[in-house]
Amino acid sequence: MKILVFGTNGQVATELRRAAPDAFFLGRDQADLSDPDTCSAAILAHRPDVIINAAAYTAVDRAEEEEALAHTINGTAPRRMAEAAAQLGVPFVHISTDYVFDGSGNRPWLPSDTPAPQNAYGRTKLAGEDAVRAAGGIHAILRTSWVVSAHGSNFVKTMLRLGAEREALTIVADQVGGPTPARDIAAACLRIAQVLRTDPSASGTYHFSGAPDVSWAEFARAIFETAGLDCKVTGIPTTDYPTPAARPLNSRLDCSTTKDAFDLPRPDWRIGLQDILKTLMEARDVRNAGTRT
């Protein structure tokens, strides 16, 4: 199976490189998502068996001021990808987000629920979803949430840094969702792509997030406990931590259709967290060894 991946250094793309080293990965120098025509041209040039889009504009707060650019990267570029995939008749797996919902209530969001994004990032990601569906090809839109890994910038790495520096932190406690290890998202993308090759009727929109659902404050406590850091966490409401872009209070995702269609249960983020900490520790040991030599 010839796999073409958009993205090289993001959290999911990094894990895809580990899981599928023979795949072809397109960086910005080969397919700049701010120039969407380069994306379709790359697909038609490589003629892959499956395509995974693991690249996006993810600066949620900055998107409030750069919505046009975010729309090009998150909306127009996936449209070009999906159109080229449909032209070749190959599956296209596109990663999206819980931010397409407004975050109301406390019931897990179903894939069939009506989106109502409350910030620019969510609007641009919804535009990408709509464009992928409109292309009419074999596709899976995989909405996920709270992505974490040993790579790039994410909540786990931020908490480890702050927890080592401070004795106490205040963390938002009224936003609830499922932390999702990037390694599990990468594996899910590969599994979905494989199934779509033999069963195009499985095309559709799916949810995939880690379990169990927790608040950011609860997640922070779990990170400190697992890492052996003595840092006290006090929960605060979102109103006490204003950000340029509004965050959804309810990021819970109902992932049952993903389990049914692809035999992909929700991953246990607690296991993923242990793997992340192990990877970071090994990387630190390697750096320290290099310093000593």
C-alpha atoms as a PDB file:
ATOM      1  CA  MET A   1       0.000   0.000   0.000  1.00  0.00           C
ATOM      2  CA  LYS A   2       1.562   3.260  -1.173  1.00  0.00           C
ATOM      3  CA  ILE A   3       0.763   5.879   1.468  1.00  0.00           C
ATOM      4  CA  LEU A   4       1.072   9.616   0.925  1.00  0.00           C
ATOM      5  CA  VAL A   5       1.043  11.786   4.060  1.00  0.00           C
ATOM      6  CA  PHE A   6       0.695  15.544   4.232  1.00  0.00           C
ATOM      7  CA  GLY A   7       2.789  16.675   7.193  1.00  0.00           C
ATOM      8  CA  THR A   8       6.231  15.801   8.530  1.00  0.00           C
ATOM      9  CA  ASN A   9       6.907  17.277  11.964  1.00  0.00           C
ATOM     10  CA  GLY A  10       3.506  17.568  13.632  1.00  0.00           C
ATOM     11  CA  GLN A  11       2.501  15.258  16.454  1.00  0.00           C
ATOM     12  CA  VAL A  12       0.501  12.817  14.334  1.00  0.00           C
ATOM     13  CA  ALA A  13       2.836  13.018  11.331  1.00  0.00           C
ATOM     14  CA  THR A  14       5.796  12.202  13.581  1.00  0.00           C
ATOM     15  CA  GLU A  15       4.009   9.105  14.865  1.00  0.00           C
ATOM     16  CA  LEU A  16       3.020   8.136  11.318  1.00  0.00           C
ATOM     17  CA  ARG A  17       6.690   8.245  10.349  1.00  0.00           C
ATOM     18  CA  ARG A  18       7.385   5.720  13.097  1.00  0.00           C
ATOM     19  CA  ALA A  19       4.417   3.494  12.281  1.00  0.00           C
ATOM     20  CA  ALA A  20       4.752   3.651   8.483  1.00  0.00           C
ATOM     21  CA  PRO A  21       8.375   4.480   7.646  1.00  0.00           C
ATOM     22  CA  ASP A  22       7.884   3.480   4.011  1.00  0.00           C
ATOM     23  CA  ALA A  23       5.174   6.095   3.482  1.00  0.00           C
ATOM     24  CA  PHE A  24       5.992   9.255   1.534  1.00  0.00           C
ATOM     25  CA  PHE A  25       5.755  12.399   3.674  1.00  0.00           C
ATOM     26  CA  LEU A  26       5.209  15.815   2.135  1.00  0.00           C
ATOM     27  CA  GLY A  27       6.607  18.829   3.961  1.00  0.00           C
ATOM     28  CA  ARG A  28       5.932  22.475   3.239  1.00  0.00           C
ATOM     29  CA  ASP A  29       8.727  22.562   0.674  1.00  0.00           C
ATOM     30  CA  GLN A  30       6.906  19.957  -1.423  1.00  0.00           C
ATOM     31  CA  ALA A  31       3.266  20.821  -0.730  1.00  0.00           C
ATOM     32  CA  ASP A  32       2.573  24.173   0.896  1.00  0.00           C
ATOM     33  CA  LEU A  33      -0.969  24.114   2.269  1.00  0.00           C
ATOM     34  CA  SER A  34      -1.115  27.895   1.961  1.00  0.00           C
ATOM     35  CA  ASP A  35      -0.882  27.226  -1.810  1.00  0.00           C
ATOM     36  CA  PRO A  36      -3.548  24.515  -2.161  1.00  0.00           C
ATOM     37  CA  ASP A  37      -2.861  23.787  -5.814  1.00  0.00           C
ATOM     38  CA  THR A  38       0.495  22.289  -4.802  1.00  0.00           C
ATOM     39  CA  CYS A  39      -1.399  19.720  -2.733  1.00  0.00           C
ATOM     40  CA  SER A  40      -3.482  18.376  -5.595  1.00  0.00           C
ATOM     41  CA  ALA A  41      -0.468  18.467  -7.905  1.00  0.00           C
ATOM     42  CA  ALA A  42       1.549  16.367  -5.440  1.00  0.00           C
ATOM     43  CA  ILE A  43      -1.194  13.761  -5.212  1.00  0.00           C
ATOM     44  CA  LEU A  44      -1.525  13.452  -8.974  1.00  0.00           C
ATOM     45  CA  ALA A  45       2.245  13.233  -9.328  1.00  0.00           C
ATOM     46  CA  HIS A  46       2.704  10.503  -6.696  1.00  0.00           C
ATOM     47  CA  ARG A  47      -0.512   8.569  -7.466  1.00  0.00           C
ATOM     48  CA  PRO A  48      -0.690   6.884  -4.051  1.00  0.00           C
ATOM     49  CA  ASP A  49      -3.023   4.113  -2.901  1.00  0.00           C
ATOM     50  CA  VAL A  50      -4.183   6.148   0.122  1.00  0.00           C
ATOM     51  CA  ILE A  51      -3.757   9.714   1.352  1.00  0.00           C
ATOM     52  CA  ILE A  52      -3.628  10.929   4.960  1.00  0.00           C
ATOM     53  CA  ASN A  53      -3.797  14.623   5.794  1.00  0.00           C
ATOM     54  CA  ALA A  54      -1.938  15.119   9.072  1.00  0.00           C
ATOM     55  CA  ALA A  55      -1.149  18.790   8.423  1.00  0.00           C
ATOM     56  CA  ALA A  56      -3.195  21.786   9.541  1.00  0.00           C
ATOM     57  CA  TYR A  57      -3.187  25.306  10.900  1.00  0.00           C
ATOM     58  CA  THR A  58      -3.500  24.596  14.638  1.00  0.00           C
ATOM     59  CA  ALA A  59      -2.652  27.921  16.320  1.00  0.00           C
ATOM     60  CA  VAL A  60      -6.118  28.281  17.841  1.00  0.00           C
ATOM     61  CA  ASP A  61      -5.694  31.753  19.348  1.00  0.00           C
ATOM     62  CA  ARG A  62      -3.725  33.215  16.444  1.00  0.00           C
ATOM     63  CA  ALA A  63      -6.426  32.029  14.052  1.00  0.00           C
ATOM     64  CA  GLU A  64      -8.677  34.736  15.459  1.00  0.00           C
ATOM     65  CA  GLU A  65      -6.450  37.247  13.661  1.00  0.00           C
ATOM     66  CA  GLU A  66      -5.426  35.018  10.731  1.00  0.00           C
ATOM     67  CA  GLU A  67      -8.703  33.376   9.821  1.00  0.00           C
ATOM     68  CA  ALA A  68      -8.176  33.851   6.084  1.00  0.00           C
ATOM     69  CA  LEU A  69      -4.843  32.017   6.191  1.00  0.00           C
ATOM     70  CA  ALA A  70      -6.275  29.342   8.500  1.00  0.00           C
ATOM     71  CA  HIS A  71      -9.184  28.883   6.090  1.00  0.00           C
ATOM     72  CA  THR A  72      -6.822  28.384   3.166  1.00  0.00           C
ATOM     73  CA  ILE A  73      -4.808  25.747   5.055  1.00  0.00           C
ATOM     74  CA  ASN A  74      -7.681  24.018   6.877  1.00  0.00           C
ATOM     75  CA  GLY A  75     -10.432  24.481   4.303  1.00  0.00           C
ATOM     76  CA  THR A  76      -9.206  25.032   0.755  1.00  0.00           C
ATOM     77  CA  ALA A  77      -6.141  22.745   0.873  1.00  0.00           C
ATOM     78  CA  PRO A  78      -8.143  19.699   2.073  1.00  0.00           C
ATOM     79  CA  ARG A  79     -10.645  20.410  -0.690  1.00  0.00           C
ATOM     80  CA  ARG A  80      -7.904  20.199  -3.306  1.00  0.00           C
ATOM     81  CA  MET A  81      -6.585  17.011  -1.691  1.00  0.00           C
ATOM     82  CA  ALA A  82     -10.019  15.404  -1.588  1.00  0.00           C
ATOM     83  CA  GLU A  83     -10.756  16.354  -5.200  1.00  0.00           C
ATOM     84  CA  ALA A  84      -7.473  14.827  -6.375  1.00  0.00           C
ATOM     85  CA  ALA A  85      -8.104  11.700  -4.294  1.00  0.00           C
ATOM     86  CA  ALA A  86     -11.572  11.386  -5.836  1.00  0.00           C
ATOM     87  CA  GLN A  87     -10.067  11.794  -9.306  1.00  0.00           C
ATOM     88  CA  LEU A  88      -7.736   8.853  -8.611  1.00  0.00           C
ATOM     89  CA  GLY A  89     -10.396   6.855  -6.779  1.00  0.00           C
ATOM     90  CA  VAL A  90      -8.257   6.398  -3.655  1.00  0.00           C
ATOM     91  CA  PRO A  91      -9.188   6.814   0.034  1.00  0.00           C
ATOM     92  CA  PHE A  92      -8.543  10.128   1.763  1.00  0.00           C
ATOM     93  CA  VAL A  93      -8.254  10.249   5.572  1.00  0.00           C
ATOM     94  CA  HIS A  94      -8.584  13.749   7.010  1.00  0.00           C
ATOM     95  CA  ILE A  95      -8.027  14.649  10.669  1.00  0.00           C
ATOM     96  CA  SER A  96     -10.458  17.140  12.185  1.00  0.00           C
ATOM     97  CA  THR A  97     -11.409  18.343  15.656  1.00  0.00           C
ATOM     98  CA  ASP A  98     -14.076  18.554  18.345  1.00  0.00           C
ATOM     99  CA  TYR A  99     -13.844  22.346  17.935  1.00  0.00           C
ATOM    100  CA  VAL A 100     -16.436  22.086  15.154  1.00  0.00           C
ATOM    101  CA  PHE A 101     -18.996  21.833  17.994  1.00  0.00           C
ATOM    102  CA  ASP A 102     -20.027  24.604  20.370  1.00  0.00           C
ATOM    103  CA  GLY A 103     -19.112  22.685  23.524  1.00  0.00           C
ATOM    104  CA  SER A 104     -22.528  22.926  25.139  1.00  0.00           C
ATOM    105  CA  GLY A 105     -24.112  20.329  27.411  1.00  0.00           C
ATOM    106  CA  ASN A 106     -22.349  17.285  28.822  1.00  0.00           C
ATOM    107  CA  ARG A 107     -23.411  14.530  26.428  1.00  0.00           C
ATOM    108  CA  PRO A 108     -20.678  13.112  24.185  1.00  0.00           C
ATOM    109  CA  TRP A 109     -20.964  14.539  20.687  1.00  0.00           C
ATOM    110  CA  LEU A 110     -22.155  12.181  17.964  1.00  0.00           C
ATOM    111  CA  PRO A 111     -20.697  12.394  14.440  1.00  0.00           C
ATOM    112  CA  SER A 112     -24.211  13.223  13.249  1.00  0.00           C
ATOM    113  CA  ASP A 113     -24.668  16.185  15.621  1.00  0.00           C
ATOM    114  CA  THR A 114     -24.952  19.607  13.999  1.00  0.00           C
ATOM    115  CA  PRO A 115     -21.643  21.526  14.134  1.00  0.00           C
ATOM    116  CA  ALA A 116     -21.609  25.052  15.507  1.00  0.00           C
ATOM    117  CA  PRO A 117     -17.991  26.192  15.941  1.00  0.00           C
ATOM    118  CA  GLN A 118     -17.426  29.077  18.326  1.00  0.00           C
ATOM    119  CA  ASN A 119     -14.004  30.224  17.137  1.00  0.00           C
ATOM    120  CA  ALA A 120     -12.107  30.836  13.907  1.00  0.00           C
ATOM    121  CA  TYR A 121     -10.110  27.615  14.127  1.00  0.00           C
ATOM    122  CA  GLY A 122     -13.302  25.575  14.425  1.00  0.00           C
ATOM    123  CA  ARG A 123     -14.903  27.390  11.501  1.00  0.00           C
ATOM    124  CA  THR A 124     -11.923  26.692   9.244  1.00  0.00           C
ATOM    125  CA  LYS A 125     -11.802  23.019  10.222  1.00  0.00           C
ATOM    126  CA  LEU A 126     -15.530  22.694   9.532  1.00  0.00           C
ATOM    127  CA  ALA A 127     -14.963  24.248   6.116  1.00  0.00           C
ATOM    128  CA  GLY A 128     -12.408  21.516   5.434  1.00  0.00           C
ATOM    129  CA  GLU A 129     -14.839  18.801   6.510  1.00  0.00           C
ATOM    130  CA  ASP A 130     -17.571  20.159   4.233  1.00  0.00           C
ATOM    131  CA  ALA A 131     -15.147  20.346   1.314  1.00  0.00           C
ATOM    132  CA  VAL A 132     -13.957  16.753   1.788  1.00  0.00           C
ATOM    133  CA  ARG A 133     -17.539  15.478   1.758  1.00  0.00           C
ATOM    134  CA  ALA A 134     -18.438  17.616  -1.262  1.00  0.00           C
ATOM    135  CA  ALA A 135     -15.570  16.120  -3.281  1.00  0.00           C
ATOM    136  CA  GLY A 136     -17.566  12.894  -3.403  1.00  0.00           C
ATOM    137  CA  GLY A 137     -14.645  10.495  -3.071  1.00  0.00           C
ATOM    138  CA  ILE A 138     -13.769   7.688  -0.676  1.00  0.00           C
ATOM    139  CA  HIS A 139     -13.011   9.430   2.596  1.00  0.00           C
ATOM    140  CA  ALA A 140     -12.960   9.379   6.373  1.00  0.00           C
ATOM    141  CA  ILE A 141     -13.060  12.529   8.461  1.00  0.00           C
ATOM    142  CA  LEU A 142     -11.627  11.660  11.863  1.00  0.00           C
ATOM    143  CA  ARG A 143     -12.483  14.163  14.581  1.00  0.00           C
ATOM    144  CA  THR A 144     -10.233  13.950  17.603  1.00  0.00           C
ATOM    145  CA  SER A 145      -9.407  16.035  20.676  1.00  0.00           C
ATOM    146  CA  TRP A 146      -6.684  17.076  23.116  1.00  0.00           C
ATOM    147  CA  VAL A 147      -3.792  15.580  21.131  1.00  0.00           C
ATOM    148  CA  VAL A 148      -0.685  14.782  23.190  1.00  0.00           C
ATOM    149  CA  SER A 149       2.684  13.179  22.500  1.00  0.00           C
ATOM    150  CA  ALA A 150       6.390  13.409  23.258  1.00  0.00           C
ATOM    151  CA  HIS A 151       6.779  15.720  20.269  1.00  0.00           C
ATOM    152  CA  GLY A 152       6.011  19.353  19.565  1.00  0.00           C
ATOM    153  CA  SER A 153       3.995  21.565  21.895  1.00  0.00           C
ATOM    154  CA  ASN A 154       1.150  20.053  23.884  1.00  0.00           C
ATOM    155  CA  PHE A 155      -0.431  19.979  27.334  1.00  0.00           C
ATOM    156  CA  VAL A 156       1.641  17.091  28.690  1.00  0.00           C
ATOM    157  CA  LYS A 157       4.962  18.722  27.879  1.00  0.00           C
ATOM    158  CA  THR A 158       3.783  22.082  29.218  1.00  0.00           C
ATOM    159  CA  MET A 159       2.653  20.521  32.495  1.00  0.00           C
ATOM    160  CA  LEU A 160       5.925  18.628  32.907  1.00  0.00           C
ATOM    161  CA  ARG A 161       7.872  21.857  32.488  1.00  0.00           C
ATOM    162  CA  LEU A 162       5.670  23.895  34.826  1.00  0.00           C
ATOM    163  CA  GLY A 163       5.344  21.074  37.354  1.00  0.00           C
ATOM    164  CA  ALA A 164       9.125  20.905  37.672  1.00  0.00           C
ATOM    165  CA  GLU A 165       9.349  24.669  38.180  1.00  0.00           C
ATOM    166  CA  ARG A 166       6.441  25.344  40.535  1.00  0.00           C
ATOM    167  CA  GLU A 167       4.887  23.915  43.651  1.00  0.00           C
ATOM    168  CA  ALA A 168       1.294  24.724  42.648  1.00  0.00           C
ATOM    169  CA  LEU A 169      -0.718  25.530  39.531  1.00  0.00           C
ATOM    170  CA  THR A 170      -4.254  26.648  38.733  1.00  0.00           C
ATOM    171  CA  ILE A 171      -5.765  24.673  35.844  1.00  0.00           C
ATOM    172  CA  VAL A 172      -9.156  24.932  34.134  1.00  0.00           C
ATOM    173  CA  ALA A 173     -11.549  22.381  35.615  1.00  0.00           C
ATOM    174  CA  ASP A 174     -14.796  22.926  33.681  1.00  0.00           C
ATOM    175  CA  GLN A 175     -13.547  21.886  30.228  1.00  0.00           C
ATOM    176  CA  VAL A 176     -13.946  18.130  29.831  1.00  0.00           C
ATOM    177  CA  GLY A 177     -12.732  15.845  27.046  1.00  0.00           C
ATOM    178  CA  GLY A 178     -10.648  12.848  26.110  1.00  0.00           C
ATOM    179  CA  PRO A 179      -6.861  13.292  25.863  1.00  0.00           C
ATOM    180  CA  THR A 180      -5.721  11.440  22.746  1.00  0.00           C
ATOM    181  CA  PRO A 181      -2.167  10.174  22.210  1.00  0.00           C
ATOM    182  CA  ALA A 182      -0.895  11.026  18.733  1.00  0.00           C
ATOM    183  CA  ARG A 183       0.483   7.492  18.434  1.00  0.00           C
ATOM    184  CA  ASP A 184      -3.044   6.104  18.674  1.00  0.00           C
ATOM    185  CA  ILE A 185      -4.359   8.621  16.140  1.00  0.00           C
ATOM    186  CA  ALA A 186      -1.639   7.583  13.690  1.00  0.00           C
ATOM    187  CA  ALA A 187      -2.509   3.919  14.128  1.00  0.00           C
ATOM    188  CA  ALA A 188      -6.193   4.722  13.669  1.00  0.00           C
ATOM    189  CA  CYS A 189      -5.519   6.619  10.426  1.00  0.00           C
ATOM    190  CA  LEU A 190      -3.598   3.675   9.000  1.00  0.00           C
ATOM    191  CA  ARG A 191      -6.293   1.197  10.033  1.00  0.00           C
ATOM    192  CA  ILE A 192      -9.062   3.350   8.543  1.00  0.00           C
ATOM    193  CA  ALA A 193      -7.156   3.817   5.283  1.00  0.00           C
ATOM    194  CA  GLN A 194      -6.657   0.068   4.994  1.00  0.00           C
ATOM    195  CA  VAL A 195     -10.356  -0.658   5.553  1.00  0.00           C
ATOM    196  CA  LEU A 196     -11.482   2.005   3.088  1.00  0.00           C
ATOM    197  CA  ARG A 197      -9.399   0.414   0.334  1.00  0.00           C
ATOM    198  CA  THR A 198     -11.522  -2.738   0.505  1.00  0.00           C
ATOM    199  CA  ASP A 199     -14.773  -1.191   1.744  1.00  0.00           C
ATOM    200  CA  PRO A 200     -15.401   2.306   0.313  1.00  0.00           C
ATOM    201  CA  SER A 201     -18.906   2.194   1.818  1.00  0.00           C
ATOM    202  CA  ALA A 202     -17.285   2.859   5.198  1.00  0.00           C
ATOM    203  CA  SER A 203     -16.701   6.453   4.082  1.00  0.00           C
ATOM    204  CA  GLY A 204     -18.011   9.032   6.521  1.00  0.00           C
ATOM    205  CA  THR A 205     -17.331  11.116   9.602  1.00  0.00           C
ATOM    206  CA  TYR A 206     -15.990   9.471  12.750  1.00  0.00           C
ATOM    207  CA  HIS A 207     -14.844  10.345  16.257  1.00  0.00           C
ATOM    208  CA  PHE A 208     -11.724   9.120  18.023  1.00  0.00           C
ATOM    209  CA  SER A 209     -10.603  10.303  21.450  1.00  0.00           C
ATOM    210  CA  GLY A 210      -8.904   8.856  24.493  1.00  0.00           C
ATOM    211  CA  ALA A 211     -10.678   7.472  27.532  1.00  0.00           C
ATOM    212  CA  PRO A 212     -11.693   8.162  30.214  1.00  0.00           C
ATOM    213  CA  ASP A 213     -12.995  11.704  29.808  1.00  0.00           C
ATOM    214  CA  VAL A 214     -11.434  14.142  32.286  1.00  0.00           C
ATOM    215  CA  SER A 215     -11.072  17.850  32.906  1.00  0.00           C
ATOM    216  CA  TRP A 216      -7.811  19.643  32.193  1.00  0.00           C
ATOM    217  CA  ALA A 217      -7.230  19.885  35.956  1.00  0.00           C
ATOM    218  CA  GLU A 218      -7.764  16.148  36.408  1.00  0.00           C
ATOM    219  CA  PHE A 219      -5.473  15.438  33.489  1.00  0.00           C
ATOM    220  CA  ALA A 220      -2.770  17.662  34.985  1.00  0.00           C
ATOM    221  CA  ARG A 221      -2.989  15.803  38.308  1.00  0.00           C
ATOM    222  CA  ALA A 222      -2.593  12.493  36.477  1.00  0.00           C
ATOM    223  CA  ILE A 223       0.459  13.808  34.625  1.00  0.00           C
ATOM    224  CA  PHE A 224       2.140  14.913  37.849  1.00  0.00           C
ATOM    225  CA  GLU A 225       1.310  11.679  39.641  1.00  0.00           C
ATOM    226  CA  THR A 226       2.613   9.532  36.777  1.00  0.00           C
ATOM    227  CA  ALA A 227       5.758  11.637  36.427  1.00  0.00           C
ATOM    228  CA  GLY A 228       6.375  11.721  40.189  1.00  0.00           C
ATOM    229  CA  LEU A 229       6.167  15.519  40.393  1.00  0.00           C
ATOM    230  CA  ASP A 230       4.980  17.164  43.607  1.00  0.00           C
ATOM    231  CA  CYS A 231       2.835  19.967  42.216  1.00  0.00           C
ATOM    232  CA  LYS A 232      -0.569  20.868  43.642  1.00  0.00           C
ATOM    233  CA  VAL A 233      -3.372  21.552  41.154  1.00  0.00           C
ATOM    234  CA  THR A 234      -6.259  23.872  41.983  1.00  0.00           C
ATOM    235  CA  GLY A 235      -9.184  23.808  39.581  1.00  0.00           C
ATOM    236  CA  ILE A 236     -10.535  27.102  38.216  1.00  0.00           C
ATOM    237  CA  PRO A 237     -13.409  27.986  35.849  1.00  0.00           C
ATOM    238  CA  THR A 238     -12.747  28.930  32.240  1.00  0.00           C
ATOM    239  CA  THR A 239     -13.867  32.466  33.028  1.00  0.00           C
ATOM    240  CA  ASP A 240     -10.776  32.853  35.210  1.00  0.00           C
ATOM    241  CA  TYR A 241      -8.491  31.949  32.285  1.00  0.00           C
ATOM    242  CA  PRO A 242      -9.602  34.047  29.294  1.00  0.00           C
ATOM    243  CA  THR A 243      -8.080  33.327  25.876  1.00  0.00           C
ATOM    244  CA  PRO A 244      -8.488  35.096  22.501  1.00  0.00           C
ATOM    245  CA  ALA A 245     -10.363  32.087  21.114  1.00  0.00           C
ATOM    246  CA  ALA A 246     -13.269  30.592  23.042  1.00  0.00           C
ATOM    247  CA  ARG A 247     -12.713  26.992  24.132  1.00  0.00           C
ATOM    248  CA  PRO A 248     -15.520  24.397  24.248  1.00  0.00           C
ATOM    249  CA  LEU A 249     -16.505  23.269  27.731  1.00  0.00           C
ATOM    250  CA  ASN A 250     -17.701  19.900  26.449  1.00  0.00           C
ATOM    251  CA  SER A 251     -15.204  18.101  24.210  1.00  0.00           C
ATOM    252  CA  ARG A 252     -16.558  14.621  24.915  1.00  0.00           C
ATOM    253  CA  LEU A 253     -16.820  12.537  21.737  1.00  0.00           C
ATOM    254  CA  ASP A 254     -18.995   9.480  21.148  1.00  0.00           C
ATOM    255  CA  CYS A 255     -16.654   7.063  19.358  1.00  0.00           C
ATOM    256  CA  SER A 256     -18.958   4.056  19.069  1.00  0.00           C
ATOM    257  CA  THR A 257     -19.330   4.173  15.273  1.00  0.00           C
ATOM    258  CA  THR A 258     -15.535   4.163  14.906  1.00  0.00           C
ATOM    259  CA  LYS A 259     -15.369   1.006  16.986  1.00  0.00           C
ATOM    260  CA  ASP A 260     -18.125  -0.609  14.921  1.00  0.00           C
ATOM    261  CA  ALA A 261     -16.732   0.325  11.501  1.00  0.00           C
ATOM    262  CA  PHE A 262     -13.004  -0.136  12.058  1.00  0.00           C
ATOM    263  CA  ASP A 263     -12.667  -2.160  15.274  1.00  0.00           C
ATOM    264  CA  LEU A 264     -10.972   0.834  16.886  1.00  0.00           C
ATOM    265  CA  PRO A 265     -11.877   1.216  20.569  1.00  0.00           C
ATOM    266  CA  ARG A 266     -11.085   4.396  22.443  1.00  0.00           C
ATOM    267  CA  PRO A 267      -7.439   4.274  23.564  1.00  0.00           C
ATOM    268  CA  ASP A 268      -6.648   4.530  27.271  1.00  0.00           C
ATOM    269  CA  TRP A 269      -4.726   7.803  27.555  1.00  0.00           C
ATOM    270  CA  ARG A 270      -3.234   6.678  30.866  1.00  0.00           C
ATOM    271  CA  ILE A 271      -1.279   4.014  28.981  1.00  0.00           C
ATOM    272  CA  GLY A 272      -0.389   6.570  26.331  1.00  0.00           C
ATOM    273  CA  LEU A 273       0.815   8.974  29.010  1.00  0.00           C
ATOM    274  CA  GLN A 274       3.201   6.343  30.364  1.00  0.00           C
ATOM    275  CA  ASP A 275       4.572   5.813  26.850  1.00  0.00           C
ATOM    276  CA  ILE A 276       5.035   9.561  26.364  1.00  0.00           C
ATOM    277  CA  LEU A 277       6.932   9.921  29.634  1.00  0.00           C
ATOM    278  CA  LYS A 278       9.113   6.927  28.765  1.00  0.00           C
ATOM    279  CA  THR A 279       9.947   8.438  25.358  1.00  0.00           C
ATOM    280  CA  LEU A 280      10.816  11.792  26.914  1.00  0.00           C
ATOM    281  CA  MET A 281      12.984  10.144  29.542  1.00  0.00           C
ATOM    282  CA  GLU A 282      14.865   8.124  26.916  1.00  0.00           C
ATOM    283  CA  ALA A 283      15.411  11.265  24.840  1.00  0.00           C
ATOM    284  CA  ARG A 284      16.768  13.079  27.893  1.00  0.00           C
ATOM    285  CA  ASP A 285      19.119  10.201  28.649  1.00  0.00           C
ATOM    286  CA  VAL A 286      20.429  10.297  25.088  1.00  0.00           C
ATOM    287  CA  ARG A 287      21.033  14.060  25.280  1.00  0.00           C
ATOM    288  CA  ASN A 288      22.774  13.711  28.622  1.00  0.00           C
ATOM    289  CA  ALA A 289      24.967  10.924  27.267  1.00  0.00           C
ATOM    290  CA  GLY A 290      25.893  13.120  24.320  1.00  0.00           C
ATOM    291  CA  THR A 291      26.844  15.928  26.665  1.00  0.00           C
ATOM    292  CA  ARG A 292      29.135  13.670  28.665  1.00  0.00           C
ATOM    293  CA  THR A 293      31.048  12.365  25.621  1.00  0.00           C
END
